[in-house]
Amino acid sequence: VFALCSINAIGQEGWTNLPTAYSSGLRAVYAIDSLNVWASGLDGLI
């Protein structure tokens, strides 16, 4: 449990919409490279 949280965001071209089942609950995204992307969110979503 974190008392303080910070979010760093960098805008880029090429973003696409996720299926609705995923997009409403996302809290974090991490791109290893241009192909491998991980995301996490609500209800244990990875």
ModelCIF file with pLDDT and N, C-alpha, C, O atoms, coordinates in Angstrom:
data_MODEL
#
_entry.id   MODEL 
#
_entity.id                         1 
_entity.type                       polymer 
_entity.pdbx_number_of_molecules   1 
#
_entity_poly.entity_id                      1 
_entity_poly.type                           'polypeptide(L)' 
_entity_poly.nstd_linkage                   no 
_entity_poly.nstd_monomer                   no 
_entity_poly.pdbx_seq_one_letter_code       VFALCSINAIGQEGWTNLPTAYSSGLRAVYAIDSLNVWASGLDGLI 
_entity_poly.pdbx_seq_one_letter_code_can   VFALCSINAIGQEGWTNLPTAYSSGLRAVYAIDSLNVWASGLDGLI 
_entity_poly.pdbx_strand_id                 A 
#
loop_
_entity_poly_seq.entity_id 
_entity_poly_seq.num 
_entity_poly_seq.mon_id 
_entity_poly_seq.hetero 
1 1  VAL n 
1 2  PHE n 
1 3  ALA n 
1 4  LEU n 
1 5  CYS n 
1 6  SER n 
1 7  ILE n 
1 8  ASN n 
1 9  ALA n 
1 10 ILE n 
1 11 GLY n 
1 12 GLN n 
1 13 GLU n 
1 14 GLY n 
1 15 TRP n 
1 16 THR n 
1 17 ASN n 
1 18 LEU n 
1 19 PRO n 
1 20 THR n 
1 21 ALA n 
1 22 TYR n 
1 23 SER n 
1 24 SER n 
1 25 GLY n 
1 26 LEU n 
1 27 ARG n 
1 28 ALA n 
1 29 VAL n 
1 30 TYR n 
1 31 ALA n 
1 32 ILE n 
1 33 ASP n 
1 34 SER n 
1 35 LEU n 
1 36 ASN n 
1 37 VAL n 
1 38 TRP n 
1 39 ALA n 
1 40 SER n 
1 41 GLY n 
1 42 LEU n 
1 43 ASP n 
1 44 GLY n 
1 45 LEU n 
1 46 ILE n 
#
_struct_asym.id          A 
_struct_asym.entity_id   1 
#
loop_
_ma_qa_metric.id 
_ma_qa_metric.mode 
_ma_qa_metric.name 
_ma_qa_metric.software_group_id 
_ma_qa_metric.type 
1 global pLDDT . pLDDT 
2 local  pLDDT . pLDDT 
#
_ma_qa_metric_global.metric_id      1 
_ma_qa_metric_global.metric_value   71.07 
_ma_qa_metric_global.model_id       1 
_ma_qa_metric_global.ordinal_id     1 
#
loop_
_ma_qa_metric_local.label_asym_id 
_ma_qa_metric_local.label_comp_id 
_ma_qa_metric_local.label_seq_id 
_ma_qa_metric_local.metric_id 
_ma_qa_metric_local.metric_value 
_ma_qa_metric_local.model_id 
_ma_qa_metric_local.ordinal_id 
A VAL 1  2 44.00 1 1  
A PHE 2  2 42.00 1 2  
A ALA 3  2 41.00 1 3  
A LEU 4  2 42.00 1 4  
A CYS 5  2 43.00 1 5  
A SER 6  2 45.00 1 6  
A ILE 7  2 45.00 1 7  
A ASN 8  2 48.00 1 8  
A ALA 9  2 50.00 1 9  
A ILE 10 2 54.00 1 10 
A GLY 11 2 55.00 1 11 
A GLN 12 2 59.00 1 12 
A GLU 13 2 64.00 1 13 
A GLY 14 2 62.00 1 14 
A TRP 15 2 61.00 1 15 
A THR 16 2 62.00 1 16 
A ASN 17 2 63.00 1 17 
A LEU 18 2 59.00 1 18 
A PRO 19 2 59.00 1 19 
A THR 20 2 58.00 1 20 
A ALA 21 2 59.00 1 21 
A TYR 22 2 61.00 1 22 
A SER 23 2 60.00 1 23 
A SER 24 2 62.00 1 24 
A GLY 25 2 80.00 1 25 
A LEU 26 2 84.00 1 26 
A ARG 27 2 87.00 1 27 
A ALA 28 2 90.00 1 28 
A VAL 29 2 90.00 1 29 
A TYR 30 2 92.00 1 30 
A ALA 31 2 91.00 1 31 
A ILE 32 2 92.00 1 32 
A ASP 33 2 91.00 1 33 
A SER 34 2 88.00 1 34 
A LEU 35 2 91.00 1 35 
A ASN 36 2 92.00 1 36 
A VAL 37 2 91.00 1 37 
A TRP 38 2 92.00 1 38 
A ALA 39 2 91.00 1 39 
A SER 40 2 92.00 1 40 
A GLY 41 2 91.00 1 41 
A LEU 42 2 89.00 1 42 
A ASP 43 2 88.00 1 43 
A GLY 44 2 89.00 1 44 
A LEU 45 2 89.00 1 45 
A ILE 46 2 91.00 1 46 
#
loop_
_atom_site.group_PDB 
_atom_site.id 
_atom_site.type_symbol 
_atom_site.label_atom_id 
_atom_site.label_alt_id 
_atom_site.label_comp_id 
_atom_site.label_asym_id 
_atom_site.label_entity_id 
_atom_site.label_seq_id 
_atom_site.pdbx_PDB_ins_code 
_atom_site.Cartn_x 
_atom_site.Cartn_y 
_atom_site.Cartn_z 
_atom_site.occupancy 
_atom_site.B_iso_or_equiv 
_atom_site.pdbx_formal_charge 
_atom_site.auth_seq_id 
_atom_site.auth_comp_id 
_atom_site.auth_asym_id 
_atom_site.auth_atom_id 
_atom_site.pdbx_PDB_model_num 
ATOM 1   N N  . VAL A 1 1  ? 0.864   -1.177 0.000   1.00 44.00 ? 1  VAL A N  1 
ATOM 2   C CA . VAL A 1 1  ? 0.000   0.000  0.000   1.00 44.00 ? 1  VAL A CA 1 
ATOM 3   C C  . VAL A 1 1  ? 0.897   1.222  0.000   1.00 44.00 ? 1  VAL A C  1 
ATOM 4   O O  . VAL A 1 1  ? 1.709   1.401  0.907   1.00 44.00 ? 1  VAL A O  1 
ATOM 5   N N  . PHE A 1 2  ? 0.752   2.063  -1.014  1.00 42.00 ? 2  PHE A N  1 
ATOM 6   C CA . PHE A 1 2  ? 1.554   3.272  -1.137  1.00 42.00 ? 2  PHE A CA 1 
ATOM 7   C C  . PHE A 1 2  ? 0.771   4.474  -0.642  1.00 42.00 ? 2  PHE A C  1 
ATOM 8   O O  . PHE A 1 2  ? -0.388  4.653  -1.016  1.00 42.00 ? 2  PHE A O  1 
ATOM 9   N N  . ALA A 1 3  ? 1.384   5.299  0.191   1.00 41.00 ? 3  ALA A N  1 
ATOM 10  C CA . ALA A 1 3  ? 0.746   6.525  0.670   1.00 41.00 ? 3  ALA A CA 1 
ATOM 11  C C  . ALA A 1 3  ? 0.825   7.621  -0.385  1.00 41.00 ? 3  ALA A C  1 
ATOM 12  O O  . ALA A 1 3  ? -0.091  8.434  -0.503  1.00 41.00 ? 3  ALA A O  1 
ATOM 13  N N  . LEU A 1 4  ? 1.901   7.649  -1.143  1.00 42.00 ? 4  LEU A N  1 
ATOM 14  C CA . LEU A 1 4  ? 2.080   8.642  -2.191  1.00 42.00 ? 4  LEU A CA 1 
ATOM 15  C C  . LEU A 1 4  ? 2.284   7.932  -3.519  1.00 42.00 ? 4  LEU A C  1 
ATOM 16  O O  . LEU A 1 4  ? 2.984   6.922  -3.590  1.00 42.00 ? 4  LEU A O  1 
ATOM 17  N N  . CYS A 1 5  ? 1.681   8.456  -4.556  1.00 43.00 ? 5  CYS A N  1 
ATOM 18  C CA . CYS A 1 5  ? 1.826   7.874  -5.879  1.00 43.00 ? 5  CYS A CA 1 
ATOM 19  C C  . CYS A 1 5  ? 2.214   8.965  -6.860  1.00 43.00 ? 5  CYS A C  1 
ATOM 20  O O  . CYS A 1 5  ? 1.817   10.118 -6.692  1.00 43.00 ? 5  CYS A O  1 
ATOM 21  N N  . SER A 1 6  ? 2.971   8.623  -7.865  1.00 45.00 ? 6  SER A N  1 
ATOM 22  C CA . SER A 1 6  ? 3.288   9.572  -8.918  1.00 45.00 ? 6  SER A CA 1 
ATOM 23  C C  . SER A 1 6  ? 3.090   8.899  -10.261 1.00 45.00 ? 6  SER A C  1 
ATOM 24  O O  . SER A 1 6  ? 3.274   7.689  -10.395 1.00 45.00 ? 6  SER A O  1 
ATOM 25  N N  . ILE A 1 7  ? 2.717   9.686  -11.248 1.00 45.00 ? 7  ILE A N  1 
ATOM 26  C CA . ILE A 1 7  ? 2.501   9.167  -12.580 1.00 45.00 ? 7  ILE A CA 1 
ATOM 27  C C  . ILE A 1 7  ? 3.298   10.015 -13.552 1.00 45.00 ? 7  ILE A C  1 
ATOM 28  O O  . ILE A 1 7  ? 3.178   11.241 -13.556 1.00 45.00 ? 7  ILE A O  1 
ATOM 29  N N  . ASN A 1 8  ? 4.102   9.375  -14.368 1.00 48.00 ? 8  ASN A N  1 
ATOM 30  C CA . ASN A 1 8  ? 4.841   10.055 -15.419 1.00 48.00 ? 8  ASN A CA 1 
ATOM 31  C C  . ASN A 1 8  ? 4.245   9.630  -16.749 1.00 48.00 ? 8  ASN A C  1 
ATOM 32  O O  . ASN A 1 8  ? 4.120   8.435  -17.017 1.00 48.00 ? 8  ASN A O  1 
ATOM 33  N N  . ALA A 1 9  ? 3.879   10.584 -17.579 1.00 50.00 ? 9  ALA A N  1 
ATOM 34  C CA . ALA A 1 9  ? 3.290   10.265 -18.873 1.00 50.00 ? 9  ALA A CA 1 
ATOM 35  C C  . ALA A 1 9  ? 4.030   11.016 -19.965 1.00 50.00 ? 9  ALA A C  1 
ATOM 36  O O  . ALA A 1 9  ? 4.361   12.192 -19.810 1.00 50.00 ? 9  ALA A O  1 
ATOM 37  N N  . ILE A 1 10 ? 4.285   10.337 -21.056 1.00 54.00 ? 10 ILE A N  1 
ATOM 38  C CA . ILE A 1 10 ? 4.939   10.934 -22.210 1.00 54.00 ? 10 ILE A CA 1 
ATOM 39  C C  . ILE A 1 10 ? 4.056   10.658 -23.415 1.00 54.00 ? 10 ILE A C  1 
ATOM 40  O O  . ILE A 1 10 ? 3.782   9.499  -23.725 1.00 54.00 ? 10 ILE A O  1 
ATOM 41  N N  . GLY A 1 11 ? 3.607   11.700 -24.096 1.00 55.00 ? 11 GLY A N  1 
ATOM 42  C CA . GLY A 1 11 ? 2.747   11.533 -25.261 1.00 55.00 ? 11 GLY A CA 1 
ATOM 43  C C  . GLY A 1 11 ? 3.521   11.032 -26.467 1.00 55.00 ? 11 GLY A C  1 
ATOM 44  O O  . GLY A 1 11 ? 4.650   11.461 -26.709 1.00 55.00 ? 11 GLY A O  1 
ATOM 45  N N  . GLN A 1 12 ? 2.923   10.132 -27.216 1.00 59.00 ? 12 GLN A N  1 
ATOM 46  C CA . GLN A 1 12 ? 3.545   9.581  -28.413 1.00 59.00 ? 12 GLN A CA 1 
ATOM 47  C C  . GLN A 1 12 ? 2.473   9.328  -29.460 1.00 59.00 ? 12 GLN A C  1 
ATOM 48  O O  . GLN A 1 12 ? 1.298   9.172  -29.129 1.00 59.00 ? 12 GLN A O  1 
ATOM 49  N N  . GLU A 1 13 ? 2.878   9.289  -30.724 1.00 64.00 ? 13 GLU A N  1 
ATOM 50  C CA . GLU A 1 13 ? 1.975   8.907  -31.790 1.00 64.00 ? 13 GLU A CA 1 
ATOM 51  C C  . GLU A 1 13 ? 1.850   7.394  -31.830 1.00 64.00 ? 13 GLU A C  1 
ATOM 52  O O  . GLU A 1 13 ? 2.696   6.691  -31.276 1.00 64.00 ? 13 GLU A O  1 
ATOM 53  N N  . GLY A 1 14 ? 0.811   6.882  -32.474 1.00 62.00 ? 14 GLY A N  1 
ATOM 54  C CA . GLY A 1 14 ? 0.678   5.456  -32.691 1.00 62.00 ? 14 GLY A CA 1 
ATOM 55  C C  . GLY A 1 14 ? -0.117  4.705  -31.642 1.00 62.00 ? 14 GLY A C  1 
ATOM 56  O O  . GLY A 1 14 ? -0.124  3.474  -31.662 1.00 62.00 ? 14 GLY A O  1 
ATOM 57  N N  . TRP A 1 15 ? -0.787  5.390  -30.726 1.00 61.00 ? 15 TRP A N  1 
ATOM 58  C CA . TRP A 1 15 ? -1.581  4.708  -29.708 1.00 61.00 ? 15 TRP A CA 1 
ATOM 59  C C  . TRP A 1 15 ? -2.821  4.100  -30.360 1.00 61.00 ? 15 TRP A C  1 
ATOM 60  O O  . TRP A 1 15 ? -3.384  4.688  -31.283 1.00 61.00 ? 15 TRP A O  1 
ATOM 61  N N  . THR A 1 16 ? -3.247  2.936  -29.890 1.00 62.00 ? 16 THR A N  1 
ATOM 62  C CA . THR A 1 16 ? -4.464  2.302  -30.379 1.00 62.00 ? 16 THR A CA 1 
ATOM 63  C C  . THR A 1 16 ? -5.379  2.013  -29.202 1.00 62.00 ? 16 THR A C  1 
ATOM 64  O O  . THR A 1 16 ? -4.920  1.889  -28.066 1.00 62.00 ? 16 THR A O  1 
ATOM 65  N N  . ASN A 1 17 ? -6.677  1.906  -29.476 1.00 63.00 ? 17 ASN A N  1 
ATOM 66  C CA . ASN A 1 17 ? -7.646  1.606  -28.427 1.00 63.00 ? 17 ASN A CA 1 
ATOM 67  C C  . ASN A 1 17 ? -7.596  0.140  -28.044 1.00 63.00 ? 17 ASN A C  1 
ATOM 68  O O  . ASN A 1 17 ? -7.441  -0.733 -28.899 1.00 63.00 ? 17 ASN A O  1 
ATOM 69  N N  . LEU A 1 18 ? -7.730  -0.124 -26.749 1.00 59.00 ? 18 LEU A N  1 
ATOM 70  C CA . LEU A 1 18 ? -7.809  -1.494 -26.254 1.00 59.00 ? 18 LEU A CA 1 
ATOM 71  C C  . LEU A 1 18 ? -9.251  -1.972 -26.298 1.00 59.00 ? 18 LEU A C  1 
ATOM 72  O O  . LEU A 1 18 ? -10.174 -1.158 -26.316 1.00 59.00 ? 18 LEU A O  1 
ATOM 73  N N  . PRO A 1 19 ? -9.453  -3.285 -26.314 1.00 59.00 ? 19 PRO A N  1 
ATOM 74  C CA . PRO A 1 19 ? -10.824 -3.787 -26.173 1.00 59.00 ? 19 PRO A CA 1 
ATOM 75  C C  . PRO A 1 19 ? -11.431 -3.263 -24.873 1.00 59.00 ? 19 PRO A C  1 
ATOM 76  O O  . PRO A 1 19 ? -10.724 -3.118 -23.876 1.00 59.00 ? 19 PRO A O  1 
ATOM 77  N N  . THR A 1 20 ? -12.720 -2.982 -24.877 1.00 58.00 ? 20 THR A N  1 
ATOM 78  C CA . THR A 1 20 ? -13.402 -2.395 -23.726 1.00 58.00 ? 20 THR A CA 1 
ATOM 79  C C  . THR A 1 20 ? -13.186 -3.193 -22.448 1.00 58.00 ? 20 THR A C  1 
ATOM 80  O O  . THR A 1 20 ? -13.116 -2.610 -21.365 1.00 58.00 ? 20 THR A O  1 
ATOM 81  N N  . ALA A 1 21 ? -13.082 -4.495 -22.550 1.00 59.00 ? 21 ALA A N  1 
ATOM 82  C CA . ALA A 1 21 ? -12.892 -5.331 -21.356 1.00 59.00 ? 21 ALA A CA 1 
ATOM 83  C C  . ALA A 1 21 ? -11.638 -4.952 -20.587 1.00 59.00 ? 21 ALA A C  1 
ATOM 84  O O  . ALA A 1 21 ? -11.579 -5.154 -19.374 1.00 59.00 ? 21 ALA A O  1 
ATOM 85  N N  . TYR A 1 22 ? -10.631 -4.405 -21.264 1.00 61.00 ? 22 TYR A N  1 
ATOM 86  C CA . TYR A 1 22 ? -9.386  -4.026 -20.621 1.00 61.00 ? 22 TYR A CA 1 
ATOM 87  C C  . TYR A 1 22 ? -9.293  -2.532 -20.331 1.00 61.00 ? 22 TYR A C  1 
ATOM 88  O O  . TYR A 1 22 ? -8.816  -2.144 -19.265 1.00 61.00 ? 22 TYR A O  1 
ATOM 89  N N  . SER A 1 23 ? -9.727  -1.714 -21.231 1.00 60.00 ? 23 SER A N  1 
ATOM 90  C CA . SER A 1 23 ? -9.411  -0.284 -21.180 1.00 60.00 ? 23 SER A CA 1 
ATOM 91  C C  . SER A 1 23 ? -10.008 0.452  -19.992 1.00 60.00 ? 23 SER A C  1 
ATOM 92  O O  . SER A 1 23 ? -9.410  1.418  -19.518 1.00 60.00 ? 23 SER A O  1 
ATOM 93  N N  . SER A 1 24 ? -11.164 0.031  -19.494 1.00 62.00 ? 24 SER A N  1 
ATOM 94  C CA . SER A 1 24 ? -11.787 0.774  -18.403 1.00 62.00 ? 24 SER A CA 1 
ATOM 95  C C  . SER A 1 24 ? -11.089 0.581  -17.069 1.00 62.00 ? 24 SER A C  1 
ATOM 96  O O  . SER A 1 24 ? -11.314 1.365  -16.147 1.00 62.00 ? 24 SER A O  1 
ATOM 97  N N  . GLY A 1 25 ? -10.250 -0.435 -16.937 1.00 80.00 ? 25 GLY A N  1 
ATOM 98  C CA . GLY A 1 25 ? -9.625  -0.698 -15.649 1.00 80.00 ? 25 GLY A CA 1 
ATOM 99  C C  . GLY A 1 25 ? -8.121  -0.547 -15.606 1.00 80.00 ? 25 GLY A C  1 
ATOM 100 O O  . GLY A 1 25 ? -7.504  -0.928 -14.611 1.00 80.00 ? 25 GLY A O  1 
ATOM 101 N N  . LEU A 1 26 ? -7.505  -0.008 -16.643 1.00 84.00 ? 26 LEU A N  1 
ATOM 102 C CA . LEU A 1 26 ? -6.048  0.107  -16.647 1.00 84.00 ? 26 LEU A CA 1 
ATOM 103 C C  . LEU A 1 26 ? -5.553  1.177  -15.686 1.00 84.00 ? 26 LEU A C  1 
ATOM 104 O O  . LEU A 1 26 ? -6.168  2.233  -15.545 1.00 84.00 ? 26 LEU A O  1 
ATOM 105 N N  . ARG A 1 27 ? -4.442  0.895  -15.030 1.00 87.00 ? 27 ARG A N  1 
ATOM 106 C CA . ARG A 1 27 ? -3.823  1.858  -14.119 1.00 87.00 ? 27 ARG A CA 1 
ATOM 107 C C  . ARG A 1 27 ? -2.358  2.105  -14.459 1.00 87.00 ? 27 ARG A C  1 
ATOM 108 O O  . ARG A 1 27 ? -1.810  3.131  -14.056 1.00 87.00 ? 27 ARG A O  1 
ATOM 109 N N  . ALA A 1 28 ? -1.696  1.187  -15.197 1.00 90.00 ? 28 ALA A N  1 
ATOM 110 C CA . ALA A 1 28 ? -0.278  1.365  -15.528 1.00 90.00 ? 28 ALA A CA 1 
ATOM 111 C C  . ALA A 1 28 ? 0.054   0.639  -16.820 1.00 90.00 ? 28 ALA A C  1 
ATOM 112 O O  . ALA A 1 28 ? -0.515  -0.410 -17.121 1.00 90.00 ? 28 ALA A O  1 
ATOM 113 N N  . VAL A 1 29 ? 0.985   1.211  -17.582 1.00 90.00 ? 29 VAL A N  1 
ATOM 114 C CA . VAL A 1 29 ? 1.450   0.619  -18.834 1.00 90.00 ? 29 VAL A CA 1 
ATOM 115 C C  . VAL A 1 29 ? 2.964   0.724  -18.872 1.00 90.00 ? 29 VAL A C  1 
ATOM 116 O O  . VAL A 1 29 ? 3.530   1.738  -18.463 1.00 90.00 ? 29 VAL A O  1 
ATOM 117 N N  . TYR A 1 30 ? 3.625   -0.327 -19.366 1.00 92.00 ? 30 TYR A N  1 
ATOM 118 C CA . TYR A 1 30 ? 5.080   -0.312 -19.493 1.00 92.00 ? 30 TYR A CA 1 
ATOM 119 C C  . TYR A 1 30 ? 5.464   -0.960 -20.815 1.00 92.00 ? 30 TYR A C  1 
ATOM 120 O O  . TYR A 1 30 ? 5.095   -2.106 -21.072 1.00 92.00 ? 30 TYR A O  1 
ATOM 121 N N  . ALA A 1 31 ? 6.195   -0.245 -21.653 1.00 91.00 ? 31 ALA A N  1 
ATOM 122 C CA . ALA A 1 31 ? 6.656   -0.778 -22.934 1.00 91.00 ? 31 ALA A CA 1 
ATOM 123 C C  . ALA A 1 31 ? 8.133   -1.127 -22.821 1.00 91.00 ? 31 ALA A C  1 
ATOM 124 O O  . ALA A 1 31 ? 8.961   -0.263 -22.534 1.00 91.00 ? 31 ALA A O  1 
ATOM 125 N N  . ILE A 1 32 ? 8.456   -2.386 -23.047 1.00 92.00 ? 32 ILE A N  1 
ATOM 126 C CA . ILE A 1 32 ? 9.841   -2.839 -23.030 1.00 92.00 ? 32 ILE A CA 1 
ATOM 127 C C  . ILE A 1 32 ? 10.539  -2.367 -24.299 1.00 92.00 ? 32 ILE A C  1 
ATOM 128 O O  . ILE A 1 32 ? 11.688  -1.927 -24.270 1.00 92.00 ? 32 ILE A O  1 
ATOM 129 N N  . ASP A 1 33 ? 9.821   -2.469 -25.410 1.00 91.00 ? 33 ASP A N  1 
ATOM 130 C CA . ASP A 1 33 ? 10.292  -1.982 -26.703 1.00 91.00 ? 33 ASP A CA 1 
ATOM 131 C C  . ASP A 1 33 ? 9.048   -1.672 -27.535 1.00 91.00 ? 33 ASP A C  1 
ATOM 132 O O  . ASP A 1 33 ? 7.950   -1.624 -26.981 1.00 91.00 ? 33 ASP A O  1 
ATOM 133 N N  . SER A 1 34 ? 9.182   -1.463 -28.831 1.00 88.00 ? 34 SER A N  1 
ATOM 134 C CA . SER A 1 34 ? 8.033   -1.067 -29.639 1.00 88.00 ? 34 SER A CA 1 
ATOM 135 C C  . SER A 1 34 ? 7.002   -2.187 -29.827 1.00 88.00 ? 34 SER A C  1 
ATOM 136 O O  . SER A 1 34 ? 5.879   -1.917 -30.251 1.00 88.00 ? 34 SER A O  1 
ATOM 137 N N  . LEU A 1 35 ? 7.358   -3.418 -29.523 1.00 91.00 ? 35 LEU A N  1 
ATOM 138 C CA . LEU A 1 35 ? 6.436   -4.541 -29.685 1.00 91.00 ? 35 LEU A CA 1 
ATOM 139 C C  . LEU A 1 35 ? 5.904   -5.087 -28.372 1.00 91.00 ? 35 LEU A C  1 
ATOM 140 O O  . LEU A 1 35 ? 4.723   -5.422 -28.284 1.00 91.00 ? 35 LEU A O  1 
ATOM 141 N N  . ASN A 1 36 ? 6.744   -5.185 -27.349 1.00 92.00 ? 36 ASN A N  1 
ATOM 142 C CA . ASN A 1 36 ? 6.369   -5.795 -26.069 1.00 92.00 ? 36 ASN A CA 1 
ATOM 143 C C  . ASN A 1 36 ? 5.864   -4.759 -25.084 1.00 92.00 ? 36 ASN A C  1 
ATOM 144 O O  . ASN A 1 36 ? 6.619   -3.916 -24.597 1.00 92.00 ? 36 ASN A O  1 
ATOM 145 N N  . VAL A 1 37 ? 4.565   -4.839 -24.799 1.00 91.00 ? 37 VAL A N  1 
ATOM 146 C CA . VAL A 1 37 ? 3.919   -3.871 -23.911 1.00 91.00 ? 37 VAL A CA 1 
ATOM 147 C C  . VAL A 1 37 ? 3.160   -4.640 -22.840 1.00 91.00 ? 37 VAL A C  1 
ATOM 148 O O  . VAL A 1 37 ? 2.464   -5.614 -23.128 1.00 91.00 ? 37 VAL A O  1 
ATOM 149 N N  . TRP A 1 38 ? 3.306   -4.189 -21.603 1.00 92.00 ? 38 TRP A N  1 
ATOM 150 C CA . TRP A 1 38 ? 2.598   -4.774 -20.464 1.00 92.00 ? 38 TRP A CA 1 
ATOM 151 C C  . TRP A 1 38 ? 1.705   -3.711 -19.845 1.00 92.00 ? 38 TRP A C  1 
ATOM 152 O O  . TRP A 1 38 ? 2.030   -2.525 -19.891 1.00 92.00 ? 38 TRP A O  1 
ATOM 153 N N  . ALA A 1 39 ? 0.575   -4.128 -19.263 1.00 91.00 ? 39 ALA A N  1 
ATOM 154 C CA . ALA A 1 39 ? -0.314  -3.191 -18.578 1.00 91.00 ? 39 ALA A CA 1 
ATOM 155 C C  . ALA A 1 39 ? -0.935  -3.899 -17.380 1.00 91.00 ? 39 ALA A C  1 
ATOM 156 O O  . ALA A 1 39 ? -1.071  -5.122 -17.371 1.00 91.00 ? 39 ALA A O  1 
ATOM 157 N N  . SER A 1 40 ? -1.313  -3.116 -16.368 1.00 92.00 ? 40 SER A N  1 
ATOM 158 C CA . SER A 1 40 ? -1.958  -3.672 -15.180 1.00 92.00 ? 40 SER A CA 1 
ATOM 159 C C  . SER A 1 40 ? -3.097  -2.754 -14.762 1.00 92.00 ? 40 SER A C  1 
ATOM 160 O O  . SER A 1 40 ? -3.178  -1.604 -15.192 1.00 92.00 ? 40 SER A O  1 
ATOM 161 N N  . GLY A 1 41 ? -3.988  -3.291 -13.903 1.00 91.00 ? 41 GLY A N  1 
ATOM 162 C CA . GLY A 1 41 ? -5.119  -2.478 -13.495 1.00 91.00 ? 41 GLY A CA 1 
ATOM 163 C C  . GLY A 1 41 ? -6.011  -3.127 -12.466 1.00 91.00 ? 41 GLY A C  1 
ATOM 164 O O  . GLY A 1 41 ? -5.553  -3.861 -11.591 1.00 91.00 ? 41 GLY A O  1 
ATOM 165 N N  . LEU A 1 42 ? -7.309  -2.840 -12.585 1.00 89.00 ? 42 LEU A N  1 
ATOM 166 C CA . LEU A 1 42 ? -8.310  -3.272 -11.618 1.00 89.00 ? 42 LEU A CA 1 
ATOM 167 C C  . LEU A 1 42 ? -8.459  -4.785 -11.574 1.00 89.00 ? 42 LEU A C  1 
ATOM 168 O O  . LEU A 1 42 ? -8.195  -5.483 -12.553 1.00 89.00 ? 42 LEU A O  1 
ATOM 169 N N  . ASP A 1 43 ? -8.884  -5.270 -10.426 1.00 88.00 ? 43 ASP A N  1 
ATOM 170 C CA . ASP A 1 43 ? -9.203  -6.684 -10.237 1.00 88.00 ? 43 ASP A CA 1 
ATOM 171 C C  . ASP A 1 43 ? -8.065  -7.632 -10.630 1.00 88.00 ? 43 ASP A C  1 
ATOM 172 O O  . ASP A 1 43 ? -8.314  -8.734 -11.117 1.00 88.00 ? 43 ASP A O  1 
ATOM 173 N N  . GLY A 1 44 ? -6.825  -7.201 -10.418 1.00 89.00 ? 44 GLY A N  1 
ATOM 174 C CA . GLY A 1 44 ? -5.675  -8.046 -10.698 1.00 89.00 ? 44 GLY A CA 1 
ATOM 175 C C  . GLY A 1 44 ? -5.324  -8.167 -12.168 1.00 89.00 ? 44 GLY A C  1 
ATOM 176 O O  . GLY A 1 44 ? -4.619  -9.097 -12.558 1.00 89.00 ? 44 GLY A O  1 
ATOM 177 N N  . LEU A 1 45 ? -5.802  -7.245 -12.991 1.00 89.00 ? 45 LEU A N  1 
ATOM 178 C CA . LEU A 1 45 ? -5.567  -7.305 -14.431 1.00 89.00 ? 45 LEU A CA 1 
ATOM 179 C C  . LEU A 1 45 ? -4.094  -7.122 -14.777 1.00 89.00 ? 45 LEU A C  1 
ATOM 180 O O  . LEU A 1 45 ? -3.475  -6.130 -14.390 1.00 89.00 ? 45 LEU A O  1 
ATOM 181 N N  . ILE A 1 46 ? -3.539  -8.084 -15.507 1.00 91.00 ? 46 ILE A N  1 
ATOM 182 C CA . ILE A 1 46 ? -2.223  -7.952 -16.139 1.00 91.00 ? 46 ILE A CA 1 
ATOM 183 C C  . ILE A 1 46 ? -2.408  -8.440 -17.567 1.00 91.00 ? 46 ILE A C  1 
ATOM 184 O O  . ILE A 1 46 ? -1.456  -8.444 -18.347 1.00 91.00 ? 46 ILE A O  1 
#
